[in-house]
Amino acid sequence: MRLRRDFTFDAAHNLVAYHGKCERLHGHTYRLGVTLEGTPDEEGMVLDFVELKRIVREQVLDQVDHAYLNDLVPQPTAENLARWAFQRLDAPLHRPHCRLTSVEVFETADSSVTFYREDLS
């Protein structure tokens, strides 16, 4: 079974290793999708949505919301942000009956990147 919750945050960045308008400082309203895979526990849940929200807030949102992302990720592309978020969430979301499978970062309403567990290297 897969469980997913989406979150939003506002942040600014510039892509220093890019040549084009995104090398200038600008901001986005990002959407972050966090997906777990597992089997329901004795309470019938893969993971309580309240607990998932708390962990994502503590591990990711508190750092990125209204932040300058270059202070956290040297080249904060959607790809690098998805990897960064996955790495921060992987251990705190690991349970005997479920684990993090992917993190999706939408930089705009119609452009996203998904980082899967298989992408860890």
Foldseek 3Di string as FASTA:
>chain_A
DKDKDKDWAKAWEAACPDPDPRNDIDMFTKMKMWMKDFAADPVRDLDPPVVVVVQLCVQPVVVGHHYYCCVPFVGDDLVRSQVSSCVSVFVVQDDPTMTTAWMKMDRHPPDIDIDGPVNDD
